[in-house]
Amino acid sequence: ASAFAFGGWDGGCEPDAVIAAGVDTEALRGQPGGALELEASAPAASDVVMVDLDDDGDLDAILATPEGAQWLAR
C-alpha cells in the first residue's frame, strides 16, 4: 500500500479504513470482531486523508490520484 487512513467512515463504533495502492484504492468498512469488509473501490492513489469536508458528521476520503484530488463522499 502507498498510504492508508483509519477513521469513522460510517459513524459506527468499528474503525473503517481507506487503503491507497498503486493499482487501486479500497474503502473498507469495519465489522464487529475487527474484520474489514470491502465497501467500494476507487482509482489508484498515492495518498489518502479522511476528513468531514461536507460537514455532515461522516468522514470523507480525499485521494491523491495522477489526475488530481478525488473526493469519496460518504
C-alpha atoms as a PDB file:
ATOM      1  CA  ALA A   1       0.000   0.000   0.000  1.00  0.00           C
ATOM      2  CA  SER A   2       1.111   3.527  -0.706  1.00  0.00           C
ATOM      3  CA  ALA A   3      -0.983   5.115   2.047  1.00  0.00           C
ATOM      4  CA  PHE A   4      -3.824   4.336   4.410  1.00  0.00           C
ATOM      5  CA  ALA A   5      -6.216   6.184   6.707  1.00  0.00           C
ATOM      6  CA  PHE A   6      -8.396   4.917   9.530  1.00  0.00           C
ATOM      7  CA  GLY A   7     -11.480   6.644  10.869  1.00  0.00           C
ATOM      8  CA  GLY A   8     -15.215   6.519  11.375  1.00  0.00           C
ATOM      9  CA  TRP A   9     -16.291   6.186   7.747  1.00  0.00           C
ATOM     10  CA  ASP A  10     -19.866   5.198   8.592  1.00  0.00           C
ATOM     11  CA  GLY A  11     -20.422   6.599  12.088  1.00  0.00           C
ATOM     12  CA  GLY A  12     -20.269   3.156  13.719  1.00  0.00           C
ATOM     13  CA  CYS A  13     -18.009   2.168  16.588  1.00  0.00           C
ATOM     14  CA  GLU A  14     -15.771  -0.073  14.475  1.00  0.00           C
ATOM     15  CA  PRO A  15     -12.829   1.635  12.719  1.00  0.00           C
ATOM     16  CA  ASP A  16     -13.078   1.860   8.945  1.00  0.00           C
ATOM     17  CA  ALA A  17     -10.144   2.155   6.532  1.00  0.00           C
ATOM     18  CA  VAL A  18      -9.208   3.510   3.135  1.00  0.00           C
ATOM     19  CA  ILE A  19      -6.119   1.909   1.597  1.00  0.00           C
ATOM     20  CA  ALA A  20      -4.491   3.626  -1.384  1.00  0.00           C
ATOM     21  CA  ALA A  21      -2.221   1.494  -3.526  1.00  0.00           C
ATOM     22  CA  GLY A  22      -0.531   1.615  -6.899  1.00  0.00           C
ATOM     23  CA  VAL A  23      -3.242  -0.473  -8.584  1.00  0.00           C
ATOM     24  CA  ASP A  24      -6.458   0.678  -6.897  1.00  0.00           C
ATOM     25  CA  THR A  25      -7.874   2.131  -3.698  1.00  0.00           C
ATOM     26  CA  GLU A  26     -10.186   0.209  -1.395  1.00  0.00           C
ATOM     27  CA  ALA A  27     -12.671   1.580   1.144  1.00  0.00           C
ATOM     28  CA  LEU A  28     -13.188  -0.986   3.893  1.00  0.00           C
ATOM     29  CA  ARG A  29     -15.968  -0.973   6.491  1.00  0.00           C
ATOM     30  CA  GLY A  30     -15.123  -2.207   9.994  1.00  0.00           C
ATOM     31  CA  GLN A  31     -17.196  -5.148  11.194  1.00  0.00           C
ATOM     32  CA  PRO A  32     -17.883  -6.357  14.749  1.00  0.00           C
ATOM     33  CA  GLY A  33     -14.961  -8.512  15.862  1.00  0.00           C
ATOM     34  CA  GLY A  34     -12.389  -6.469  13.940  1.00  0.00           C
ATOM     35  CA  ALA A  35     -12.800  -7.740  10.367  1.00  0.00           C
ATOM     36  CA  LEU A  36     -12.777  -5.270   7.455  1.00  0.00           C
ATOM     37  CA  GLU A  37     -15.245  -5.701   4.576  1.00  0.00           C
ATOM     38  CA  LEU A  38     -14.761  -4.172   1.108  1.00  0.00           C
ATOM     39  CA  GLU A  39     -17.311  -1.396   0.588  1.00  0.00           C
ATOM     40  CA  ALA A  40     -16.027   0.369  -2.531  1.00  0.00           C
ATOM     41  CA  SER A  41     -13.106   0.607  -4.937  1.00  0.00           C
ATOM     42  CA  ALA A  42     -11.620   3.733  -6.477  1.00  0.00           C
ATOM     43  CA  PRO A  43      -8.748   4.610  -8.832  1.00  0.00           C
ATOM     44  CA  ALA A  44      -5.112   4.203  -7.828  1.00  0.00           C
ATOM     45  CA  ALA A  45      -3.845   6.860  -5.433  1.00  0.00           C
ATOM     46  CA  SER A  46      -0.554   7.794  -3.804  1.00  0.00           C
ATOM     47  CA  ASP A  47      -2.046   9.322  -0.651  1.00  0.00           C
ATOM     48  CA  VAL A  48      -5.324   9.445   1.276  1.00  0.00           C
ATOM     49  CA  VAL A  49      -6.743  11.519   4.111  1.00  0.00           C
ATOM     50  CA  MET A  50     -10.107  11.237   5.884  1.00  0.00           C
ATOM     51  CA  VAL A  51     -11.884  14.474   6.885  1.00  0.00           C
ATOM     52  CA  ASP A  52     -15.513  15.659   7.069  1.00  0.00           C
ATOM     53  CA  LEU A  53     -15.480  18.026   4.070  1.00  0.00           C
ATOM     54  CA  ASP A  54     -19.249  18.436   3.690  1.00  0.00           C
ATOM     55  CA  ASP A  55     -19.941  18.885   7.433  1.00  0.00           C
ATOM     56  CA  ASP A  56     -22.476  16.034   7.564  1.00  0.00           C
ATOM     57  CA  GLY A  57     -20.859  14.239  10.502  1.00  0.00           C
ATOM     58  CA  ASP A  58     -19.330  11.435   8.394  1.00  0.00           C
ATOM     59  CA  LEU A  59     -15.711  11.373   7.296  1.00  0.00           C
ATOM     60  CA  ASP A  60     -14.992  11.659   3.572  1.00  0.00           C
ATOM     61  CA  ALA A  61     -11.865  10.288   1.886  1.00  0.00           C
ATOM     62  CA  ILE A  62      -9.690  12.544  -0.266  1.00  0.00           C
ATOM     63  CA  LEU A  63      -7.384  10.673  -2.640  1.00  0.00           C
ATOM     64  CA  ALA A  64      -4.273  11.993  -4.388  1.00  0.00           C
ATOM     65  CA  THR A  65      -4.548  10.408  -7.863  1.00  0.00           C
ATOM     66  CA  PRO A  66      -2.473  11.018 -11.008  1.00  0.00           C
ATOM     67  CA  GLU A  67      -5.422  13.058 -12.339  1.00  0.00           C
ATOM     68  CA  GLY A  68      -5.604  15.207  -9.171  1.00  0.00           C
ATOM     69  CA  ALA A  69      -7.559  15.088  -5.937  1.00  0.00           C
ATOM     70  CA  GLN A  70     -10.614  12.819  -5.850  1.00  0.00           C
ATOM     71  CA  TRP A  71     -13.290  13.098  -3.152  1.00  0.00           C
ATOM     72  CA  LEU A  72     -15.011   9.938  -1.926  1.00  0.00           C
ATOM     73  CA  ALA A  73     -18.052  11.342  -0.120  1.00  0.00           C
ATOM     74  CA  ARG A  74     -19.774   9.246   2.499  1.00  0.00           C
END
